[in-house]
Amino acid sequence: MVMRKLRSERAPIKRFGKTDPPIDYKDVELLAKFIGPHGQIISRKRSGLDTQRQRELKRAIKRARHLALLPFVG
């Protein structure tokens, strides 16, 4: 019988706290850390963000893409 690992071994990217600076669409270096190799936004489970911060991140990435600061695909 072959045993499979059920959980992914990927670690969360970064955990944000209450005192961290807000997520801004102009901070391209920070936003690029939350985009996967195929240009997808990394999930909340993997990024380690809470719901409100993940929404801010999604909004910032979409704004940066619209202004051509980030690519739509990787």
PDB file of N, CA and C in Angstrom:
ATOM      1  N   MET A   1       0.828  -1.167   0.000  1.00  0.00           N
ATOM      2  CA  MET A   1       0.000   0.000   0.000  1.00  0.00           C
ATOM      3  C   MET A   1       0.890   1.254   0.000  1.00  0.00           C
ATOM      4  N   VAL A   2       0.537   2.209  -0.841  1.00  0.00           N
ATOM      5  CA  VAL A   2       1.297   3.445  -0.965  1.00  0.00           C
ATOM      6  C   VAL A   2       0.659   4.512  -0.079  1.00  0.00           C
ATOM      7  N   MET A   3       1.477   5.147   0.728  1.00  0.00           N
ATOM      8  CA  MET A   3       0.987   6.192   1.624  1.00  0.00           C
ATOM      9  C   MET A   3       1.211   7.549   0.975  1.00  0.00           C
ATOM     10  N   ARG A   4       0.187   8.377   1.005  1.00  0.00           N
ATOM     11  CA  ARG A   4       0.295   9.720   0.453  1.00  0.00           C
ATOM     12  C   ARG A   4       0.296  10.737   1.585  1.00  0.00           C
ATOM     13  N   LYS A   5       0.980  11.828   1.360  1.00  0.00           N
ATOM     14  CA  LYS A   5       0.938  12.929   2.318  1.00  0.00           C
ATOM     15  C   LYS A   5      -0.296  13.761   2.009  1.00  0.00           C
ATOM     16  N   LEU A   6      -1.076  14.032   3.020  1.00  0.00           N
ATOM     17  CA  LEU A   6      -2.313  14.767   2.820  1.00  0.00           C
ATOM     18  C   LEU A   6      -2.121  16.280   2.857  1.00  0.00           C
ATOM     19  N   ARG A   7      -1.146  16.742   3.579  1.00  0.00           N
ATOM     20  CA  ARG A   7      -0.944  18.179   3.711  1.00  0.00           C
ATOM     21  C   ARG A   7       0.232  18.638   2.868  1.00  0.00           C
ATOM     22  N   SER A   8       0.109  19.841   2.394  1.00  0.00           N
ATOM     23  CA  SER A   8       1.189  20.438   1.636  1.00  0.00           C
ATOM     24  C   SER A   8       2.314  20.841   2.587  1.00  0.00           C
ATOM     25  N   GLU A   9       3.532  20.795   2.113  1.00  0.00           N
ATOM     26  CA  GLU A   9       4.668  21.138   2.955  1.00  0.00           C
ATOM     27  C   GLU A   9       5.092  22.590   2.775  1.00  0.00           C
ATOM     28  N   ARG A  10       4.312  23.382   2.070  1.00  0.00           N
ATOM     29  CA  ARG A  10       4.652  24.778   1.859  1.00  0.00           C
ATOM     30  C   ARG A  10       4.357  25.577   3.120  1.00  0.00           C
ATOM     31  N   ALA A  11       5.284  26.431   3.465  1.00  0.00           N
ATOM     32  CA  ALA A  11       5.118  27.269   4.651  1.00  0.00           C
ATOM     33  C   ALA A  11       4.400  28.557   4.271  1.00  0.00           C
ATOM     34  N   PRO A  12       3.724  29.174   5.214  1.00  0.00           N
ATOM     35  CA  PRO A  12       3.114  30.474   4.922  1.00  0.00           C
ATOM     36  C   PRO A  12       4.175  31.490   4.524  1.00  0.00           C
ATOM     37  N   ILE A  13       3.816  32.422   3.672  1.00  0.00           N
ATOM     38  CA  ILE A  13       4.775  33.396   3.167  1.00  0.00           C
ATOM     39  C   ILE A  13       5.133  34.428   4.231  1.00  0.00           C
ATOM     40  N   LYS A  14       4.154  35.101   4.764  1.00  0.00           N
ATOM     41  CA  LYS A  14       4.410  36.096   5.788  1.00  0.00           C
ATOM     42  C   LYS A  14       3.145  36.306   6.601  1.00  0.00           C
ATOM     43  N   ARG A  15       3.308  36.491   7.857  1.00  0.00           N
ATOM     44  CA  ARG A  15       2.161  36.782   8.707  1.00  0.00           C
ATOM     45  C   ARG A  15       2.176  38.267   9.038  1.00  0.00           C
ATOM     46  N   PHE A  16       1.046  38.901   8.880  1.00  0.00           N
ATOM     47  CA  PHE A  16       0.913  40.315   9.182  1.00  0.00           C
ATOM     48  C   PHE A  16       0.316  40.475  10.562  1.00  0.00           C
ATOM     49  N   GLY A  17       0.698  41.518  11.231  1.00  0.00           N
ATOM     50  CA  GLY A  17       0.145  41.839  12.531  1.00  0.00           C
ATOM     51  C   GLY A  17      -0.628  43.141  12.474  1.00  0.00           C
ATOM     52  N   LYS A  18      -1.100  43.580  13.590  1.00  0.00           N
ATOM     53  CA  LYS A  18      -1.882  44.814  13.656  1.00  0.00           C
ATOM     54  C   LYS A  18      -1.015  46.045  13.391  1.00  0.00           C
ATOM     55  N   THR A  19       0.284  45.972  13.699  1.00  0.00           N
ATOM     56  CA  THR A  19       1.144  47.140  13.570  1.00  0.00           C
ATOM     57  C   THR A  19       1.836  47.233  12.223  1.00  0.00           C
ATOM     58  N   ASP A  20       1.654  46.263  11.337  1.00  0.00           N
ATOM     59  CA  ASP A  20       2.298  46.300  10.036  1.00  0.00           C
ATOM     60  C   ASP A  20       1.680  47.377   9.156  1.00  0.00           C
ATOM     61  N   PRO A  21       2.448  47.897   8.202  1.00  0.00           N
ATOM     62  CA  PRO A  21       1.908  48.940   7.330  1.00  0.00           C
ATOM     63  C   PRO A  21       0.790  48.394   6.444  1.00  0.00           C
ATOM     64  N   PRO A  22      -0.109  49.263   5.997  1.00  0.00           N
ATOM     65  CA  PRO A  22      -1.212  48.798   5.150  1.00  0.00           C
ATOM     66  C   PRO A  22      -0.709  48.309   3.794  1.00  0.00           C
ATOM     67  N   ILE A  23      -1.462  47.425   3.197  1.00  0.00           N
ATOM     68  CA  ILE A  23      -1.119  46.909   1.876  1.00  0.00           C
ATOM     69  C   ILE A  23      -1.494  47.979   0.860  1.00  0.00           C
ATOM     70  N   ASP A  24      -0.536  48.362   0.013  1.00  0.00           N
ATOM     71  CA  ASP A  24      -0.746  49.434  -0.941  1.00  0.00           C
ATOM     72  C   ASP A  24      -0.447  48.932  -2.350  1.00  0.00           C
ATOM     73  N   TYR A  25      -1.206  49.373  -3.327  1.00  0.00           N
ATOM     74  CA  TYR A  25      -1.027  48.906  -4.696  1.00  0.00           C
ATOM     75  C   TYR A  25       0.287  49.392  -5.305  1.00  0.00           C
ATOM     76  N   LYS A  26       0.905  50.420  -4.713  1.00  0.00           N
ATOM     77  CA  LYS A  26       2.164  50.945  -5.254  1.00  0.00           C
ATOM     78  C   LYS A  26       3.384  50.165  -4.749  1.00  0.00           C
ATOM     79  N   ASP A  27       3.203  49.330  -3.737  1.00  0.00           N
ATOM     80  CA  ASP A  27       4.297  48.531  -3.179  1.00  0.00           C
ATOM     81  C   ASP A  27       4.404  47.228  -3.973  1.00  0.00           C
ATOM     82  N   VAL A  28       5.026  47.295  -5.130  1.00  0.00           N
ATOM     83  CA  VAL A  28       5.059  46.172  -6.067  1.00  0.00           C
ATOM     84  C   VAL A  28       5.881  45.001  -5.521  1.00  0.00           C
ATOM     85  N   GLU A  29       6.939  45.290  -4.781  1.00  0.00           N
ATOM     86  CA  GLU A  29       7.781  44.227  -4.231  1.00  0.00           C
ATOM     87  C   GLU A  29       6.996  43.351  -3.259  1.00  0.00           C
ATOM     88  N   LEU A  30       6.197  43.968  -2.412  1.00  0.00           N
ATOM     89  CA  LEU A  30       5.383  43.217  -1.462  1.00  0.00           C
ATOM     90  C   LEU A  30       4.316  42.407  -2.188  1.00  0.00           C
ATOM     91  N   LEU A  31       3.641  43.032  -3.143  1.00  0.00           N
ATOM     92  CA  LEU A  31       2.567  42.345  -3.856  1.00  0.00           C
ATOM     93  C   LEU A  31       3.086  41.167  -4.668  1.00  0.00           C
ATOM     94  N   ALA A  32       4.290  41.291  -5.216  1.00  0.00           N
ATOM     95  CA  ALA A  32       4.857  40.214  -6.028  1.00  0.00           C
ATOM     96  C   ALA A  32       5.103  38.950  -5.203  1.00  0.00           C
ATOM     97  N   LYS A  33       5.286  39.091  -3.905  1.00  0.00           N
ATOM     98  CA  LYS A  33       5.492  37.924  -3.037  1.00  0.00           C
ATOM     99  C   LYS A  33       4.222  37.090  -2.894  1.00  0.00           C
ATOM    100  N   PHE A  34       3.074  37.712  -3.131  1.00  0.00           N
ATOM    101  CA  PHE A  34       1.797  37.028  -2.965  1.00  0.00           C
ATOM    102  C   PHE A  34       1.204  36.580  -4.291  1.00  0.00           C
ATOM    103  N   ILE A  35       2.024  36.552  -5.341  1.00  0.00           N
ATOM    104  CA  ILE A  35       1.575  36.074  -6.649  1.00  0.00           C
ATOM    105  C   ILE A  35       2.375  34.826  -6.984  1.00  0.00           C
ATOM    106  N   GLY A  36       1.682  33.769  -7.371  1.00  0.00           N
ATOM    107  CA  GLY A  36       2.329  32.514  -7.706  1.00  0.00           C
ATOM    108  C   GLY A  36       3.032  32.571  -9.054  1.00  0.00           C
ATOM    109  N   PRO A  37       3.682  31.480  -9.446  1.00  0.00           N
ATOM    110  CA  PRO A  37       4.448  31.473 -10.703  1.00  0.00           C
ATOM    111  C   PRO A  37       3.578  31.629 -11.954  1.00  0.00           C
ATOM    112  N   HIS A  38       2.301  31.297 -11.865  1.00  0.00           N
ATOM    113  CA  HIS A  38       1.417  31.419 -13.023  1.00  0.00           C
ATOM    114  C   HIS A  38       0.591  32.702 -12.982  1.00  0.00           C
ATOM    115  N   GLY A  39       0.928  33.605 -12.071  1.00  0.00           N
ATOM    116  CA  GLY A  39       0.234  34.883 -11.982  1.00  0.00           C
ATOM    117  C   GLY A  39      -1.002  34.855 -11.118  1.00  0.00           C
ATOM    118  N   GLN A  40      -1.226  33.793 -10.373  1.00  0.00           N
ATOM    119  CA  GLN A  40      -2.405  33.702  -9.518  1.00  0.00           C
ATOM    120  C   GLN A  40      -2.111  34.275  -8.138  1.00  0.00           C
ATOM    121  N   ILE A  41      -3.129  34.843  -7.530  1.00  0.00           N
ATOM    122  CA  ILE A  41      -2.993  35.353  -6.171  1.00  0.00           C
ATOM    123  C   ILE A  41      -2.967  34.161  -5.222  1.00  0.00           C
ATOM    124  N   ILE A  42      -2.005  34.160  -4.312  1.00  0.00           N
ATOM    125  CA  ILE A  42      -1.836  33.047  -3.373  1.00  0.00           C
ATOM    126  C   ILE A  42      -3.012  33.018  -2.401  1.00  0.00           C
ATOM    127  N   SER A  43      -3.460  31.831  -2.062  1.00  0.00           N
ATOM    128  CA  SER A  43      -4.630  31.664  -1.205  1.00  0.00           C
ATOM    129  C   SER A  43      -4.372  32.164   0.214  1.00  0.00           C
ATOM    130  N   ARG A  44      -5.455  32.400   0.907  1.00  0.00           N
ATOM    131  CA  ARG A  44      -5.392  32.878   2.283  1.00  0.00           C
ATOM    132  C   ARG A  44      -4.728  31.858   3.192  1.00  0.00           C
ATOM    133  N   LYS A  45      -4.977  30.615   2.922  1.00  0.00           N
ATOM    134  CA  LYS A  45      -4.413  29.539   3.742  1.00  0.00           C
ATOM    135  C   LYS A  45      -2.888  29.529   3.644  1.00  0.00           C
ATOM    136  N   ARG A  46      -2.382  29.783   2.457  1.00  0.00           N
ATOM    137  CA  ARG A  46      -0.935  29.751   2.251  1.00  0.00           C
ATOM    138  C   ARG A  46      -0.273  31.076   2.616  1.00  0.00           C
ATOM    139  N   SER A  47      -0.965  32.173   2.406  1.00  0.00           N
ATOM    140  CA  SER A  47      -0.355  33.473   2.682  1.00  0.00           C
ATOM    141  C   SER A  47      -0.335  33.787   4.174  1.00  0.00           C
ATOM    142  N   GLY A  48      -1.263  33.197   4.935  1.00  0.00           N
ATOM    143  CA  GLY A  48      -1.288  33.430   6.371  1.00  0.00           C
ATOM    144  C   GLY A  48      -1.979  34.723   6.760  1.00  0.00           C
ATOM    145  N   LEU A  49      -2.711  35.331   5.835  1.00  0.00           N
ATOM    146  CA  LEU A  49      -3.403  36.585   6.124  1.00  0.00           C
ATOM    147  C   LEU A  49      -4.803  36.305   6.657  1.00  0.00           C
ATOM    148  N   ASP A  50      -5.338  37.252   7.406  1.00  0.00           N
ATOM    149  CA  ASP A  50      -6.727  37.123   7.822  1.00  0.00           C
ATOM    150  C   ASP A  50      -7.625  37.594   6.681  1.00  0.00           C
ATOM    151  N   THR A  51      -8.912  37.462   6.853  1.00  0.00           N
ATOM    152  CA  THR A  51      -9.858  37.735   5.771  1.00  0.00           C
ATOM    153  C   THR A  51      -9.776  39.179   5.286  1.00  0.00           C
ATOM    154  N   GLN A  52      -9.730  40.115   6.212  1.00  0.00           N
ATOM    155  CA  GLN A  52      -9.700  41.523   5.835  1.00  0.00           C
ATOM    156  C   GLN A  52      -8.434  41.866   5.065  1.00  0.00           C
ATOM    157  N   ARG A  53      -7.275  41.375   5.525  1.00  0.00           N
ATOM    158  CA  ARG A  53      -6.000  41.660   4.849  1.00  0.00           C
ATOM    159  C   ARG A  53      -5.951  40.980   3.485  1.00  0.00           C
ATOM    160  N   GLN A  54      -6.545  39.780   3.354  1.00  0.00           N
ATOM    161  CA  GLN A  54      -6.551  39.094   2.061  1.00  0.00           C
ATOM    162  C   GLN A  54      -7.386  39.892   1.058  1.00  0.00           C
ATOM    163  N   ARG A  55      -8.487  40.475   1.515  1.00  0.00           N
ATOM    164  CA  ARG A  55      -9.305  41.312   0.628  1.00  0.00           C
ATOM    165  C   ARG A  55      -8.539  42.550   0.194  1.00  0.00           C
ATOM    166  N   GLU A  56      -7.815  43.169   1.137  1.00  0.00           N
ATOM    167  CA  GLU A  56      -6.989  44.333   0.801  1.00  0.00           C
ATOM    168  C   GLU A  56      -5.917  43.946  -0.209  1.00  0.00           C
ATOM    169  N   LEU A  57      -5.313  42.783  -0.006  1.00  0.00           N
ATOM    170  CA  LEU A  57      -4.281  42.296  -0.918  1.00  0.00           C
ATOM    171  C   LEU A  57      -4.854  42.071  -2.312  1.00  0.00           C
ATOM    172  N   LYS A  58      -6.009  41.430  -2.392  1.00  0.00           N
ATOM    173  CA  LYS A  58      -6.648  41.168  -3.681  1.00  0.00           C
ATOM    174  C   LYS A  58      -6.940  42.474  -4.414  1.00  0.00           C
ATOM    175  N   ARG A  59      -7.492  43.430  -3.687  1.00  0.00           N
ATOM    176  CA  ARG A  59      -7.825  44.724  -4.287  1.00  0.00           C
ATOM    177  C   ARG A  59      -6.566  45.444  -4.770  1.00  0.00           C
ATOM    178  N   ALA A  60      -5.498  45.400  -3.976  1.00  0.00           N
ATOM    179  CA  ALA A  60      -4.250  46.073  -4.342  1.00  0.00           C
ATOM    180  C   ALA A  60      -3.607  45.421  -5.566  1.00  0.00           C
ATOM    181  N   ILE A  61      -3.627  44.080  -5.628  1.00  0.00           N
ATOM    182  CA  ILE A  61      -3.041  43.382  -6.777  1.00  0.00           C
ATOM    183  C   ILE A  61      -3.824  43.702  -8.040  1.00  0.00           C
ATOM    184  N   LYS A  62      -5.135  43.714  -7.953  1.00  0.00           N
ATOM    185  CA  LYS A  62      -5.953  44.020  -9.131  1.00  0.00           C
ATOM    186  C   LYS A  62      -5.745  45.457  -9.599  1.00  0.00           C
ATOM    187  N   ARG A  63      -5.599  46.394  -8.669  1.00  0.00           N
ATOM    188  CA  ARG A  63      -5.319  47.778  -9.053  1.00  0.00           C
ATOM    189  C   ARG A  63      -3.947  47.899  -9.707  1.00  0.00           C
ATOM    190  N   ALA A  64      -2.958  47.219  -9.138  1.00  0.00           N
ATOM    191  CA  ALA A  64      -1.609  47.272  -9.701  1.00  0.00           C
ATOM    192  C   ALA A  64      -1.577  46.645 -11.094  1.00  0.00           C
ATOM    193  N   ARG A  65      -2.324  45.584 -11.305  1.00  0.00           N
ATOM    194  CA  ARG A  65      -2.399  44.980 -12.638  1.00  0.00           C
ATOM    195  C   ARG A  65      -3.057  45.934 -13.625  1.00  0.00           C
ATOM    196  N   HIS A  66      -4.120  46.595 -13.197  1.00  0.00           N
ATOM    197  CA  HIS A  66      -4.835  47.514 -14.076  1.00  0.00           C
ATOM    198  C   HIS A  66      -3.951  48.692 -14.492  1.00  0.00           C
ATOM    199  N   LEU A  67      -3.078  49.131 -13.594  1.00  0.00           N
ATOM    200  CA  LEU A  67      -2.165  50.241 -13.893  1.00  0.00           C
ATOM    201  C   LEU A  67      -0.852  49.766 -14.515  1.00  0.00           C
ATOM    202  N   ALA A  68      -0.768  48.481 -14.833  1.00  0.00           N
ATOM    203  CA  ALA A  68       0.414  47.866 -15.477  1.00  0.00           C
ATOM    204  C   ALA A  68       1.654  47.899 -14.586  1.00  0.00           C
ATOM    205  N   LEU A  69       1.460  47.878 -13.279  1.00  0.00           N
ATOM    206  CA  LEU A  69       2.581  47.756 -12.371  1.00  0.00           C
ATOM    207  C   LEU A  69       2.951  46.289 -12.170  1.00  0.00           C
ATOM    208  N   LEU A  70       1.977  45.399 -12.320  1.00  0.00           N
ATOM    209  CA  LEU A  70       2.173  43.950 -12.213  1.00  0.00           C
ATOM    210  C   LEU A  70       1.614  43.285 -13.467  1.00  0.00           C
ATOM    211  N   PRO A  71       2.201  42.160 -13.864  1.00  0.00           N
ATOM    212  CA  PRO A  71       1.661  41.451 -15.029  1.00  0.00           C
ATOM    213  C   PRO A  71       0.404  40.638 -14.672  1.00  0.00           C
ATOM    214  N   PHE A  72      -0.420  40.383 -15.660  1.00  0.00           N
ATOM    215  CA  PHE A  72      -1.607  39.546 -15.448  1.00  0.00           C
ATOM    216  C   PHE A  72      -1.221  38.075 -15.397  1.00  0.00           C
ATOM    217  N   VAL A  73      -0.169  37.686 -16.093  1.00  0.00           N
ATOM    218  CA  VAL A  73       0.309  36.296 -16.089  1.00  0.00           C
ATOM    219  C   VAL A  73       1.793  36.304 -15.740  1.00  0.00           C
ATOM    220  N   GLY A  74       2.269  35.159 -15.196  1.00  0.00           N
ATOM    221  CA  GLY A  74       3.665  35.080 -14.746  1.00  0.00           C
ATOM    222  C   GLY A  74       4.665  34.826 -15.761  1.00  0.00           C
TER     223      GLY A  74
END
